[in-house]
Structure formats: structure tokens, C-alpha cells
PDB file of N, CA and C in Angstrom:
ATOM      1  N   MET A   1      31.302 -59.559  51.078  1.00  0.00           N
ATOM      2  CA  MET A   1      31.227 -58.477  50.112  1.00  0.00           C
ATOM      3  C   MET A   1      31.457 -59.072  48.720  1.00  0.00           C
ATOM      4  N   GLY A   2      30.561 -58.731  47.805  1.00  0.00           N
ATOM      5  CA  GLY A   2      30.647 -59.258  46.457  1.00  0.00           C
ATOM      6  C   GLY A   2      31.566 -58.430  45.577  1.00  0.00           C
ATOM      7  N   PRO A   3      31.828 -58.894  44.379  1.00  0.00           N
ATOM      8  CA  PRO A   3      32.755 -58.211  43.466  1.00  0.00           C
ATOM      9  C   PRO A   3      32.302 -56.793  43.111  1.00  0.00           C
ATOM     10  N   LEU A   4      31.004 -56.588  42.943  1.00  0.00           N
ATOM     11  CA  LEU A   4      30.539 -55.239  42.603  1.00  0.00           C
ATOM     12  C   LEU A   4      30.712 -54.287  43.776  1.00  0.00           C
ATOM     13  N   GLU A   5      30.436 -54.789  44.975  1.00  0.00           N
ATOM     14  CA  GLU A   5      30.617 -53.948  46.156  1.00  0.00           C
ATOM     15  C   GLU A   5      32.097 -53.578  46.333  1.00  0.00           C
ATOM     16  N   GLU A   6      32.989 -54.490  45.978  1.00  0.00           N
ATOM     17  CA  GLU A   6      34.421 -54.193  46.051  1.00  0.00           C
ATOM     18  C   GLU A   6      34.793 -53.063  45.080  1.00  0.00           C
ATOM     19  N   LYS A   7      34.180 -53.083  43.908  1.00  0.00           N
ATOM     20  CA  LYS A   7      34.442 -52.026  42.924  1.00  0.00           C
ATOM     21  C   LYS A   7      33.951 -50.676  43.447  1.00  0.00           C
ATOM     22  N   PHE A   8      32.758 -50.682  44.045  1.00  0.00           N
ATOM     23  CA  PHE A   8      32.251 -49.437  44.625  1.00  0.00           C
ATOM     24  C   PHE A   8      33.165 -48.951  45.749  1.00  0.00           C
ATOM     25  N   LYS A   9      33.665 -49.884  46.554  1.00  0.00           N
ATOM     26  CA  LYS A   9      34.562 -49.518  47.657  1.00  0.00           C
ATOM     27  C   LYS A   9      35.834 -48.885  47.106  1.00  0.00           C
ATOM     28  N   MET A  10      36.322 -49.413  45.996  1.00  0.00           N
ATOM     29  CA  MET A  10      37.515 -48.859  45.380  1.00  0.00           C
ATOM     30  C   MET A  10      37.248 -47.417  44.919  1.00  0.00           C
ATOM     31  N   LEU A  11      36.052 -47.184  44.401  1.00  0.00           N
ATOM     32  CA  LEU A  11      35.707 -45.817  43.998  1.00  0.00           C
ATOM     33  C   LEU A  11      35.685 -44.888  45.207  1.00  0.00           C
ATOM     34  N   ASP A  12      35.148 -45.407  46.334  1.00  0.00           N
ATOM     35  CA  ASP A  12      35.132 -44.617  47.565  1.00  0.00           C
ATOM     36  C   ASP A  12      36.544 -44.307  48.031  1.00  0.00           C
ATOM     37  N   ASP A  13      37.424 -45.294  47.939  1.00  0.00           N
ATOM     38  CA  ASP A  13      38.812 -45.110  48.379  1.00  0.00           C
ATOM     39  C   ASP A  13      39.512 -43.992  47.602  1.00  0.00           C
ATOM     40  N   TYR A  14      39.150 -43.862  46.341  1.00  0.00           N
ATOM     41  CA  TYR A  14      39.765 -42.832  45.511  1.00  0.00           C
ATOM     42  C   TYR A  14      38.943 -41.544  45.481  1.00  0.00           C
ATOM     43  N   SER A  15      37.924 -41.497  46.326  1.00  0.00           N
ATOM     44  CA  SER A  15      37.070 -40.298  46.459  1.00  0.00           C
ATOM     45  C   SER A  15      36.460 -39.875  45.124  1.00  0.00           C
ATOM     46  N   ILE A  16      36.002 -40.867  44.392  1.00  0.00           N
ATOM     47  CA  ILE A  16      35.343 -40.576  43.111  1.00  0.00           C
ATOM     48  C   ILE A  16      33.857 -40.462  43.390  1.00  0.00           C
ATOM     49  N   GLY A  17      33.298 -39.335  43.057  1.00  0.00           N
ATOM     50  CA  GLY A  17      31.880 -39.099  43.297  1.00  0.00           C
ATOM     51  C   GLY A  17      31.024 -39.844  42.294  1.00  0.00           C
ATOM     52  N   LEU A  18      29.899 -40.338  42.778  1.00  0.00           N
ATOM     53  CA  LEU A  18      28.972 -41.072  41.915  1.00  0.00           C
ATOM     54  C   LEU A  18      27.727 -40.239  41.683  1.00  0.00           C
ATOM     55  N   SER A  19      27.138 -40.449  40.536  1.00  0.00           N
ATOM     56  CA  SER A  19      25.885 -39.750  40.254  1.00  0.00           C
ATOM     57  C   SER A  19      24.788 -40.316  41.141  1.00  0.00           C
ATOM     58  N   GLU A  20      23.701 -39.594  41.230  1.00  0.00           N
ATOM     59  CA  GLU A  20      22.556 -40.014  42.058  1.00  0.00           C
ATOM     60  C   GLU A  20      22.043 -41.394  41.618  1.00  0.00           C
ATOM     61  N   GLU A  21      22.045 -41.618  40.319  1.00  0.00           N
ATOM     62  CA  GLU A  21      21.579 -42.906  39.775  1.00  0.00           C
ATOM     63  C   GLU A  21      22.435 -44.069  40.305  1.00  0.00           C
ATOM     64  N   PHE A  22      23.751 -43.889  40.303  1.00  0.00           N
ATOM     65  CA  PHE A  22      24.632 -44.953  40.780  1.00  0.00           C
ATOM     66  C   PHE A  22      24.554 -45.130  42.289  1.00  0.00           C
ATOM     67  N   VAL A  23      24.314 -44.062  43.004  1.00  0.00           N
ATOM     68  CA  VAL A  23      24.160 -44.168  44.454  1.00  0.00           C
ATOM     69  C   VAL A  23      22.926 -45.013  44.781  1.00  0.00           C
ATOM     70  N   LEU A  24      21.822 -44.782  44.041  1.00  0.00           N
ATOM     71  CA  LEU A  24      20.605 -45.587  44.238  1.00  0.00           C
ATOM     72  C   LEU A  24      20.849 -47.053  43.875  1.00  0.00           C
ATOM     73  N   LYS A  25      21.546 -47.282  42.791  1.00  0.00           N
ATOM     74  CA  LYS A  25      21.851 -48.656  42.388  1.00  0.00           C
ATOM     75  C   LYS A  25      22.710 -49.356  43.436  1.00  0.00           C
ATOM     76  N   ARG A  26      23.638 -48.603  44.000  1.00  0.00           N
ATOM     77  CA  ARG A  26      24.509 -49.188  45.022  1.00  0.00           C
ATOM     78  C   ARG A  26      23.701 -49.579  46.258  1.00  0.00           C
ATOM     79  N   ARG A  27      22.751 -48.765  46.639  1.00  0.00           N
ATOM     80  CA  ARG A  27      21.922 -49.069  47.808  1.00  0.00           C
ATOM     81  C   ARG A  27      21.073 -50.317  47.582  1.00  0.00           C
ATOM     82  N   ASN A  28      20.637 -50.497  46.345  1.00  0.00           N
ATOM     83  CA  ASN A  28      19.761 -51.635  46.034  1.00  0.00           C
ATOM     84  C   ASN A  28      20.530 -52.889  45.622  1.00  0.00           C
ATOM     85  N   LEU A  29      21.834 -52.809  45.619  1.00  0.00           N
ATOM     86  CA  LEU A  29      22.656 -53.897  45.106  1.00  0.00           C
ATOM     87  C   LEU A  29      22.440 -55.210  45.861  1.00  0.00           C
ATOM     88  N   ARG A  30      22.496 -55.177  47.174  1.00  0.00           N
ATOM     89  CA  ARG A  30      22.328 -56.415  47.959  1.00  0.00           C
ATOM     90  C   ARG A  30      20.940 -57.007  47.765  1.00  0.00           C
ATOM     91  N   GLU A  31      19.939 -56.136  47.738  1.00  0.00           N
ATOM     92  CA  GLU A  31      18.562 -56.610  47.554  1.00  0.00           C
ATOM     93  C   GLU A  31      18.398 -57.270  46.185  1.00  0.00           C
ATOM     94  N   LYS A  32      18.930 -56.640  45.157  1.00  0.00           N
ATOM     95  CA  LYS A  32      18.839 -57.204  43.799  1.00  0.00           C
ATOM     96  C   LYS A  32      19.608 -58.523  43.703  1.00  0.00           C
ATOM     97  N   TRP A  33      20.772 -58.586  44.344  1.00  0.00           N
ATOM     98  CA  TRP A  33      21.563 -59.816  44.343  1.00  0.00           C
ATOM     99  C   TRP A  33      20.804 -60.938  45.041  1.00  0.00           C
ATOM    100  N   SER A  34      20.168 -60.616  46.144  1.00  0.00           N
ATOM    101  CA  SER A  34      19.387 -61.600  46.883  1.00  0.00           C
ATOM    102  C   SER A  34      18.213 -62.100  46.033  1.00  0.00           C
ATOM    103  N   GLU A  35      17.534 -61.184  45.356  1.00  0.00           N
ATOM    104  CA  GLU A  35      16.426 -61.559  44.468  1.00  0.00           C
ATOM    105  C   GLU A  35      16.930 -62.461  43.345  1.00  0.00           C
ATOM    106  N   PHE A  36      18.089 -62.114  42.800  1.00  0.00           N
ATOM    107  CA  PHE A  36      18.674 -62.909  41.723  1.00  0.00           C
ATOM    108  C   PHE A  36      18.991 -64.325  42.205  1.00  0.00           C
ATOM    109  N   CYS A  37      19.616 -64.434  43.384  1.00  0.00           N
ATOM    110  CA  CYS A  37      19.948 -65.754  43.932  1.00  0.00           C
ATOM    111  C   CYS A  37      18.687 -66.566  44.219  1.00  0.00           C
ATOM    112  N   GLU A  38      17.654 -65.908  44.707  1.00  0.00           N
ATOM    113  CA  GLU A  38      16.387 -66.583  44.969  1.00  0.00           C
ATOM    114  C   GLU A  38      15.781 -67.102  43.666  1.00  0.00           C
ATOM    115  N   MET A  39      15.841 -66.287  42.614  1.00  0.00           N
ATOM    116  CA  MET A  39      15.321 -66.705  41.311  1.00  0.00           C
ATOM    117  C   MET A  39      16.091 -67.917  40.792  1.00  0.00           C
ATOM    118  N   LEU A  40      17.418 -67.911  40.954  1.00  0.00           N
ATOM    119  CA  LEU A  40      18.218 -69.059  40.518  1.00  0.00           C
ATOM    120  C   LEU A  40      17.811 -70.326  41.269  1.00  0.00           C
ATOM    121  N   GLY A  41      17.547 -70.189  42.563  1.00  0.00           N
ATOM    122  CA  GLY A  41      17.103 -71.339  43.355  1.00  0.00           C
ATOM    123  C   GLY A  41      15.768 -71.877  42.872  1.00  0.00           C
ATOM    124  N   GLU A  42      14.834 -70.975  42.559  1.00  0.00           N
ATOM    125  CA  GLU A  42      13.518 -71.394  42.058  1.00  0.00           C
ATOM    126  C   GLU A  42      13.641 -72.099  40.714  1.00  0.00           C
ATOM    127  N   ILE A  43      14.495 -71.573  39.859  1.00  0.00           N
ATOM    128  CA  ILE A  43      14.701 -72.188  38.544  1.00  0.00           C
ATOM    129  C   ILE A  43      15.336 -73.565  38.702  1.00  0.00           C
ATOM    130  N   GLU A  44      16.263 -73.695  39.622  1.00  0.00           N
ATOM    131  CA  GLU A  44      16.903 -74.994  39.852  1.00  0.00           C
ATOM    132  C   GLU A  44      15.873 -76.017  40.340  1.00  0.00           C
ATOM    133  N   GLU A  45      14.996 -75.609  41.258  1.00  0.00           N
ATOM    134  CA  GLU A  45      13.935 -76.505  41.739  1.00  0.00           C
ATOM    135  C   GLU A  45      13.025 -76.925  40.596  1.00  0.00           C
ATOM    136  N   ARG A  46      12.636 -75.957  39.763  1.00  0.00           N
ATOM    137  CA  ARG A  46      11.752 -76.250  38.633  1.00  0.00           C
ATOM    138  C   ARG A  46      12.423 -77.211  37.662  1.00  0.00           C
ATOM    139  N   ASN A  47      13.705 -76.974  37.380  1.00  0.00           N
ATOM    140  CA  ASN A  47      14.427 -77.846  36.453  1.00  0.00           C
ATOM    141  C   ASN A  47      14.551 -79.263  37.004  1.00  0.00           C
ATOM    142  N   GLN A  48      14.768 -79.389  38.308  1.00  0.00           N
ATOM    143  CA  GLN A  48      14.844 -80.716  38.920  1.00  0.00           C
ATOM    144  C   GLN A  48      13.502 -81.432  38.812  1.00  0.00           C
ATOM    145  N   LYS A  49      12.403 -80.701  39.026  1.00  0.00           N
ATOM    146  CA  LYS A  49      11.073 -81.305  38.930  1.00  0.00           C
ATOM    147  C   LYS A  49      10.802 -81.763  37.496  1.00  0.00           C
ATOM    148  N   VAL A  50      11.122 -80.905  36.532  1.00  0.00           N
ATOM    149  CA  VAL A  50      10.904 -81.249  35.124  1.00  0.00           C
ATOM    150  C   VAL A  50      11.759 -82.455  34.747  1.00  0.00           C
ATOM    151  N   SER A  51      13.002 -82.471  35.199  1.00  0.00           N
ATOM    152  CA  SER A  51      13.898 -83.589  34.902  1.00  0.00           C
ATOM    153  C   SER A  51      13.357 -84.883  35.502  1.00  0.00           C
ATOM    154  N   LYS A  52      12.886 -84.801  36.733  1.00  0.00           N
ATOM    155  CA  LYS A  52      12.321 -85.973  37.408  1.00  0.00           C
ATOM    156  C   LYS A  52      11.067 -86.470  36.679  1.00  0.00           C
ATOM    157  N   ASP A  53      10.199 -85.529  36.259  1.00  0.00           N
ATOM    158  CA  ASP A  53       8.992 -85.903  35.517  1.00  0.00           C
ATOM    159  C   ASP A  53       9.353 -86.565  34.189  1.00  0.00           C
ATOM    160  N   MET A  54      10.357 -86.016  33.499  1.00  0.00           N
ATOM    161  CA  MET A  54      10.785 -86.610  32.237  1.00  0.00           C
ATOM    162  C   MET A  54      11.330 -88.019  32.454  1.00  0.00           C
ATOM    163  N   TYR A  55      12.079 -88.202  33.532  1.00  0.00           N
ATOM    164  CA  TYR A  55      12.646 -89.511  33.854  1.00  0.00           C
ATOM    165  C   TYR A  55      11.520 -90.531  34.071  1.00  0.00           C
ATOM    166  N   TYR A  56      10.516 -90.162  34.867  1.00  0.00           N
ATOM    167  CA  TYR A  56       9.415 -91.084  35.131  1.00  0.00           C
ATOM    168  C   TYR A  56       8.583 -91.347  33.874  1.00  0.00           C
ATOM    169  N   ASP A  57       8.359 -90.314  33.065  1.00  0.00           N
ATOM    170  CA  ASP A  57       7.614 -90.505  31.817  1.00  0.00           C
ATOM    171  C   ASP A  57       8.367 -91.433  30.868  1.00  0.00           C
ATOM    172  N   THR A  58       9.679 -91.262  30.794  1.00  0.00           N
ATOM    173  CA  THR A  58      10.486 -92.123  29.921  1.00  0.00           C
ATOM    174  C   THR A  58      10.419 -93.570  30.387  1.00  0.00           C
ATOM    175  N   ASN A  59      10.567 -93.784  31.688  1.00  0.00           N
ATOM    176  CA  ASN A  59      10.480 -95.150  32.214  1.00  0.00           C
ATOM    177  C   ASN A  59       9.100 -95.749  31.970  1.00  0.00           C
ATOM    178  N   LYS A  60       8.062 -94.945  32.149  1.00  0.00           N
ATOM    179  CA  LYS A  60       6.700 -95.434  31.914  1.00  0.00           C
ATOM    180  C   LYS A  60       6.515 -95.810  30.447  1.00  0.00           C
ATOM    181  N   ASN A  61       7.016 -94.952  29.541  1.00  0.00           N
ATOM    182  CA  ASN A  61       6.910 -95.250  28.111  1.00  0.00           C
ATOM    183  C   ASN A  61       7.695 -96.503  27.743  1.00  0.00           C
ATOM    184  N   LEU A  62       8.863 -96.673  28.325  1.00  0.00           N
ATOM    185  CA  LEU A  62       9.650 -97.880  28.058  1.00  0.00           C
ATOM    186  C   LEU A  62       8.930 -99.127  28.562  1.00  0.00           C
ATOM    187  N   ASP A  63       8.380 -99.046  29.773  1.00  0.00           N
ATOM    188  CA  ASP A  63       7.633-100.188  30.317  1.00  0.00           C
ATOM    189  C   ASP A  63       6.447-100.535  29.429  1.00  0.00           C
ATOM    190  N   ASN A  64       5.722 -99.503  28.966  1.00  0.00           N
ATOM    191  CA  ASN A  64       4.580 -99.751  28.071  1.00  0.00           C
ATOM    192  C   ASN A  64       5.041-100.377  26.756  1.00  0.00           C
ATOM    193  N   PHE A  65       6.158 -99.893  26.237  1.00  0.00           N
ATOM    194  CA  PHE A  65       6.679-100.436  24.992  1.00  0.00           C
ATOM    195  C   PHE A  65       7.085-101.896  25.161  1.00  0.00           C
ATOM    196  N   PHE A  66       7.780-102.208  26.250  1.00  0.00           N
ATOM    197  CA  PHE A  66       8.191-103.593  26.505  1.00  0.00           C
ATOM    198  C   PHE A  66       6.974-104.501  26.660  1.00  0.00           C
ATOM    199  N   LYS A  67       5.955-104.008  27.357  1.00  0.00           N
ATOM    200  CA  LYS A  67       4.743-104.805  27.544  1.00  0.00           C
ATOM    201  C   LYS A  67       4.037-105.025  26.209  1.00  0.00           C
ATOM    202  N   GLU A  68       3.939-103.956  25.416  1.00  0.00           N
ATOM    203  CA  GLU A  68       3.297-104.075  24.106  1.00  0.00           C
ATOM    204  C   GLU A  68       4.050-105.064  23.217  1.00  0.00           C
ATOM    205  N   THR A  69       5.368-104.996  23.235  1.00  0.00           N
ATOM    206  CA  THR A  69       6.191-105.906  22.440  1.00  0.00           C
ATOM    207  C   THR A  69       6.022-107.343  22.908  1.00  0.00           C
ATOM    208  N   SER A  70       6.019-107.531  24.211  1.00  0.00           N
ATOM    209  CA  SER A  70       5.853-108.874  24.774  1.00  0.00           C
ATOM    210  C   SER A  70       4.467-109.440  24.445  1.00  0.00           C
ATOM    211  N   ASP A  71       3.439-108.597  24.591  1.00  0.00           N
ATOM    212  CA  ASP A  71       2.076-109.041  24.251  1.00  0.00           C
ATOM    213  C   ASP A  71       1.976-109.393  22.770  1.00  0.00           C
ATOM    214  N   PHE A  72       2.611-108.576  21.940  1.00  0.00           N
ATOM    215  CA  PHE A  72       2.594-108.819  20.504  1.00  0.00           C
ATOM    216  C   PHE A  72       3.260-110.146  20.171  1.00  0.00           C
ATOM    217  N   LYS A  73       4.382-110.418  20.809  1.00  0.00           N
ATOM    218  CA  LYS A  73       5.087-111.682  20.586  1.00  0.00           C
ATOM    219  C   LYS A  73       4.215-112.867  21.017  1.00  0.00           C
ATOM    220  N   GLY A  74       3.613-112.762  22.200  1.00  0.00           N
ATOM    221  CA  GLY A  74       2.741-113.840  22.682  1.00  0.00           C
ATOM    222  C   GLY A  74       1.561-114.068  21.755  1.00  0.00           C
ATOM    223  N   HIS A  75       0.991-112.972  21.260  1.00  0.00           N
ATOM    224  CA  HIS A  75      -0.143-113.073  20.340  1.00  0.00           C
ATOM    225  C   HIS A  75       0.283-113.768  19.045  1.00  0.00           C
ATOM    226  N   PHE A  76       1.449-113.396  18.540  1.00  0.00           N
ATOM    227  CA  PHE A  76       1.926-114.015  17.306  1.00  0.00           C
ATOM    228  C   PHE A  76       2.204-115.511  17.508  1.00  0.00           C
ATOM    229  N   ILE A  77       2.854-115.852  18.612  1.00  0.00           N
ATOM    230  CA  ILE A  77       3.162-117.264  18.866  1.00  0.00           C
ATOM    231  C   ILE A  77       1.873-118.083  18.957  1.00  0.00           C
ATOM    232  N   GLY A  78       0.832-117.461  19.509  1.00  0.00           N
ATOM    233  CA  GLY A  78      -0.449-118.166  19.603  1.00  0.00           C
ATOM    234  C   GLY A  78      -1.132-118.361  18.263  1.00  0.00           C
ATOM    235  N   LEU A  79      -0.930-117.435  17.334  1.00  0.00           N
ATOM    236  CA  LEU A  79      -1.632-117.500  16.045  1.00  0.00           C
ATOM    237  C   LEU A  79      -0.750-117.902  14.866  1.00  0.00           C
ATOM    238  N   ALA A  80       0.554-117.913  15.041  1.00  0.00           N
ATOM    239  CA  ALA A  80       1.468-118.149  13.919  1.00  0.00           C
ATOM    240  C   ALA A  80       1.262-119.532  13.311  1.00  0.00           C
ATOM    241  N   PRO A  81       1.357-119.598  12.013  1.00  0.00           N
ATOM    242  CA  PRO A  81       1.189-120.872  11.306  1.00  0.00           C
ATOM    243  C   PRO A  81       2.489-121.677  11.294  1.00  0.00           C
ATOM    244  N   PHE A  82       2.834-122.254  12.450  1.00  0.00           N
ATOM    245  CA  PHE A  82       4.063-123.033  12.529  1.00  0.00           C
ATOM    246  C   PHE A  82       3.929-124.371  11.793  1.00  0.00           C
ATOM    247  N   SER A  83       2.724-124.840  11.665  1.00  0.00           N
ATOM    248  CA  SER A  83       2.488-126.063  10.896  1.00  0.00           C
ATOM    249  C   SER A  83       1.271-125.823  10.020  1.00  0.00           C
ATOM    250  N   MET A  84       1.056-126.677   9.107  1.00  0.00           N
ATOM    251  CA  MET A  84      -0.051-126.511   8.178  1.00  0.00           C
ATOM    252  C   MET A  84      -1.342-127.148   8.693  1.00  0.00           C
ATOM    253  N   ALA A  85      -1.300-127.693   9.892  1.00  0.00           N
ATOM    254  CA  ALA A  85      -2.497-128.319  10.449  1.00  0.00           C
ATOM    255  C   ALA A  85      -3.534-127.242  10.758  1.00  0.00           C
ATOM    256  N   ASN A  86      -4.723-127.395  10.252  1.00  0.00           N
ATOM    257  CA  ASN A  86      -5.876-126.515  10.509  1.00  0.00           C
ATOM    258  C   ASN A  86      -5.676-125.074  10.020  1.00  0.00           C
ATOM    259  N   VAL A  87      -4.685-124.813   9.139  1.00  0.00           N
ATOM    260  CA  VAL A  87      -4.476-123.465   8.617  1.00  0.00           C
ATOM    261  C   VAL A  87      -4.252-123.563   7.114  1.00  0.00           C
ATOM    262  N   ASP A  88      -5.052-122.789   6.365  1.00  0.00           N
ATOM    263  CA  ASP A  88      -4.822-122.777   4.919  1.00  0.00           C
ATOM    264  C   ASP A  88      -3.794-121.699   4.584  1.00  0.00           C
ATOM    265  N   CYS A  89      -3.284-121.734   3.380  1.00  0.00           N
ATOM    266  CA  CYS A  89      -2.207-120.814   2.976  1.00  0.00           C
ATOM    267  C   CYS A  89      -2.634-119.354   3.047  1.00  0.00           C
ATOM    268  N   GLU A  90      -3.840-119.077   2.649  1.00  0.00           N
ATOM    269  CA  GLU A  90      -4.323-117.688   2.658  1.00  0.00           C
ATOM    270  C   GLU A  90      -4.339-117.125   4.085  1.00  0.00           C
ATOM    271  N   LYS A  91      -4.839-117.915   5.007  1.00  0.00           N
ATOM    272  CA  LYS A  91      -4.883-117.492   6.414  1.00  0.00           C
ATOM    273  C   LYS A  91      -3.460-117.330   6.970  1.00  0.00           C
ATOM    274  N   ALA A  92      -2.556-118.227   6.610  1.00  0.00           N
ATOM    275  CA  ALA A  92      -1.172-118.148   7.072  1.00  0.00           C
ATOM    276  C   ALA A  92      -0.518-116.862   6.572  1.00  0.00           C
ATOM    277  N   PHE A  93      -0.716-116.535   5.286  1.00  0.00           N
ATOM    278  CA  PHE A  93      -0.140-115.301   4.754  1.00  0.00           C
ATOM    279  C   PHE A  93      -0.755-114.067   5.395  1.00  0.00           C
ATOM    280  N   GLN A  94      -2.022-114.131   5.698  1.00  0.00           N
ATOM    281  CA  GLN A  94      -2.685-113.011   6.367  1.00  0.00           C
ATOM    282  C   GLN A  94      -2.062-112.778   7.756  1.00  0.00           C
ATOM    283  N   VAL A  95      -1.872-113.842   8.521  1.00  0.00           N
ATOM    284  CA  VAL A  95      -1.265-113.729   9.849  1.00  0.00           C
ATOM    285  C   VAL A  95       0.156-113.181   9.743  1.00  0.00           C
ATOM    286  N   LEU A  96       0.923-113.673   8.785  1.00  0.00           N
ATOM    287  CA  LEU A  96       2.298-113.199   8.605  1.00  0.00           C
ATOM    288  C   LEU A  96       2.345-111.729   8.174  1.00  0.00           C
ATOM    289  N   ASN A  97       1.428-111.340   7.298  1.00  0.00           N
ATOM    290  CA  ASN A  97       1.378-109.930   6.882  1.00  0.00           C
ATOM    291  C   ASN A  97       0.996-109.012   8.049  1.00  0.00           C
ATOM    292  N   GLU A  98       0.052-109.447   8.871  1.00  0.00           N
ATOM    293  CA  GLU A  98      -0.315-108.667  10.056  1.00  0.00           C
ATOM    294  C   GLU A  98       0.894-108.537  10.990  1.00  0.00           C
ATOM    295  N   TYR A  99       1.613-109.626  11.152  1.00  0.00           N
ATOM    296  CA  TYR A  99       2.807-109.612  11.994  1.00  0.00           C
ATOM    297  C   TYR A  99       3.834-108.622  11.445  1.00  0.00           C
ATOM    298  N   ARG A 100       4.040-108.654  10.144  1.00  0.00           N
ATOM    299  CA  ARG A 100       5.007-107.760   9.508  1.00  0.00           C
ATOM    300  C   ARG A 100       4.608-106.299   9.708  1.00  0.00           C
ATOM    301  N   GLU A 101       3.341-105.972   9.514  1.00  0.00           N
ATOM    302  CA  GLU A 101       2.876-104.593   9.683  1.00  0.00           C
ATOM    303  C   GLU A 101       3.005-104.133  11.139  1.00  0.00           C
ATOM    304  N   ASN A 102       2.629-105.001  12.058  1.00  0.00           N
ATOM    305  CA  ASN A 102       2.762-104.649  13.471  1.00  0.00           C
ATOM    306  C   ASN A 102       4.234-104.493  13.863  1.00  0.00           C
ATOM    307  N   SER A 103       5.085-105.317  13.288  1.00  0.00           N
ATOM    308  CA  SER A 103       6.526-105.201  13.557  1.00  0.00           C
ATOM    309  C   SER A 103       7.064-103.868  13.060  1.00  0.00           C
ATOM    310  N   LYS A 104       6.609-103.443  11.883  1.00  0.00           N
ATOM    311  CA  LYS A 104       7.033-102.148  11.343  1.00  0.00           C
ATOM    312  C   LYS A 104       6.588-101.007  12.260  1.00  0.00           C
ATOM    313  N   LYS A 105       5.365-101.108  12.768  1.00  0.00           N
ATOM    314  CA  LYS A 105       4.849-100.084  13.669  1.00  0.00           C
ATOM    315  C   LYS A 105       5.696-100.030  14.950  1.00  0.00           C
ATOM    316  N   LEU A 106       6.009-101.198  15.494  1.00  0.00           N
ATOM    317  CA  LEU A 106       6.830-101.238  16.707  1.00  0.00           C
ATOM    318  C   LEU A 106       8.233-100.695  16.443  1.00  0.00           C
ATOM    319  N   ARG A 107       8.782-100.956  15.278  1.00  0.00           N
ATOM    320  CA  ARG A 107      10.112-100.425  14.927  1.00  0.00           C
ATOM    321  C   ARG A 107      10.076 -98.891  14.853  1.00  0.00           C
ATOM    322  N   LYS A 108       9.002 -98.358  14.268  1.00  0.00           N
ATOM    323  CA  LYS A 108       8.870 -96.896  14.208  1.00  0.00           C
ATOM    324  C   LYS A 108       8.764 -96.314  15.615  1.00  0.00           C
ATOM    325  N   ASP A 109       7.978 -96.952  16.460  1.00  0.00           N
ATOM    326  CA  ASP A 109       7.861 -96.498  17.857  1.00  0.00           C
ATOM    327  C   ASP A 109       9.214 -96.557  18.557  1.00  0.00           C
ATOM    328  N   GLU A 110       9.959 -97.625  18.294  1.00  0.00           N
ATOM    329  CA  GLU A 110      11.283 -97.770  18.896  1.00  0.00           C
ATOM    330  C   GLU A 110      12.211 -96.638  18.444  1.00  0.00           C
ATOM    331  N   GLU A 111      12.179 -96.314  17.162  1.00  0.00           N
ATOM    332  CA  GLU A 111      13.031 -95.245  16.639  1.00  0.00           C
ATOM    333  C   GLU A 111      12.670 -93.897  17.262  1.00  0.00           C
ATOM    334  N   LYS A 112      11.380 -93.643  17.446  1.00  0.00           N
ATOM    335  CA  LYS A 112      10.954 -92.392  18.092  1.00  0.00           C
ATOM    336  C   LYS A 112      11.485 -92.322  19.515  1.00  0.00           C
ATOM    337  N   MET A 113      11.398 -93.431  20.223  1.00  0.00           N
ATOM    338  CA  MET A 113      11.869 -93.467  21.605  1.00  0.00           C
ATOM    339  C   MET A 113      13.388 -93.357  21.662  1.00  0.00           C
ATOM    340  N   ARG A 114      14.048 -93.972  20.734  1.00  0.00           N
ATOM    341  CA  ARG A 114      15.510 -93.940  20.710  1.00  0.00           C
ATOM    342  C   ARG A 114      16.005 -92.513  20.534  1.00  0.00           C
ATOM    343  N   PHE A 115      15.320 -91.726  19.690  1.00  0.00           N
ATOM    344  CA  PHE A 115      15.696 -90.337  19.487  1.00  0.00           C
ATOM    345  C   PHE A 115      15.585 -89.569  20.812  1.00  0.00           C
ATOM    346  N   GLY A 116      14.527 -89.816  21.583  1.00  0.00           N
ATOM    347  CA  GLY A 116      14.324 -89.131  22.848  1.00  0.00           C
ATOM    348  C   GLY A 116      15.312 -89.551  23.918  1.00  0.00           C
ATOM    349  N   LEU A 117      15.838 -90.761  23.826  1.00  0.00           N
ATOM    350  CA  LEU A 117      16.756 -91.237  24.838  1.00  0.00           C
ATOM    351  C   LEU A 117      18.172 -90.813  24.507  1.00  0.00           C
TER     352      LEU A 117
END
């Protein structure tokens, strides 16, 4: 017996008459409570699914970010002007500027992800 049913029982014990509206509500009380509990269960299932989907999406985004960062590093190491052999100054500055811009983009992506985490 739930708390509301106990209150109704107390009214019965004191022989307090209820209006027709309250009598109907009392009859439907268990059914409404059952519907409410069922709705809570459905919402809990939905929330678990959404949480699980968010978890997998976050991991996927992190994996993509790590891969992109790693690829970017490998690309830079392959093209970076570590020595002046076969690279003129203009080309070296161009490679460094591209690296700087790509680094800024990755930092912005990191900040967006950090906010979500």
C-alpha cells in the first residue's frame, strides 16, 4: 500500500465521505501509479541509451582527433626544414606557417572537445 492509499484509508477510518470525483481518483490510483512507474522505466532506458551513445561518440571523436594529430605530426616531420639542404628560405617559412595554422586549428578543436568533456 502506497502513501496515498494510506491517506485514503485514514479518511475511511474516520468515516469522512469523499466526493464522487475523489472516489473515481481513488479507484484509478493504482493504475495511474503503475503507468507512472512504467514511464519512469522507459525514461531510464532512454537516458541509458543516450548516455551510451554519447560515450561512444566521444570516444570516436577522441580517436579521430588523436589520429589527426598524429598524422599531422608525421606530415610535418616529413616536410619540416630541419636543415637547409634542398630547401630555400621561402619554402621553409611557408612550411612553418602552414604548421602554425594547422596547429591553431587543432588547438581550437581541442578546446571544443575539452568543453564537452
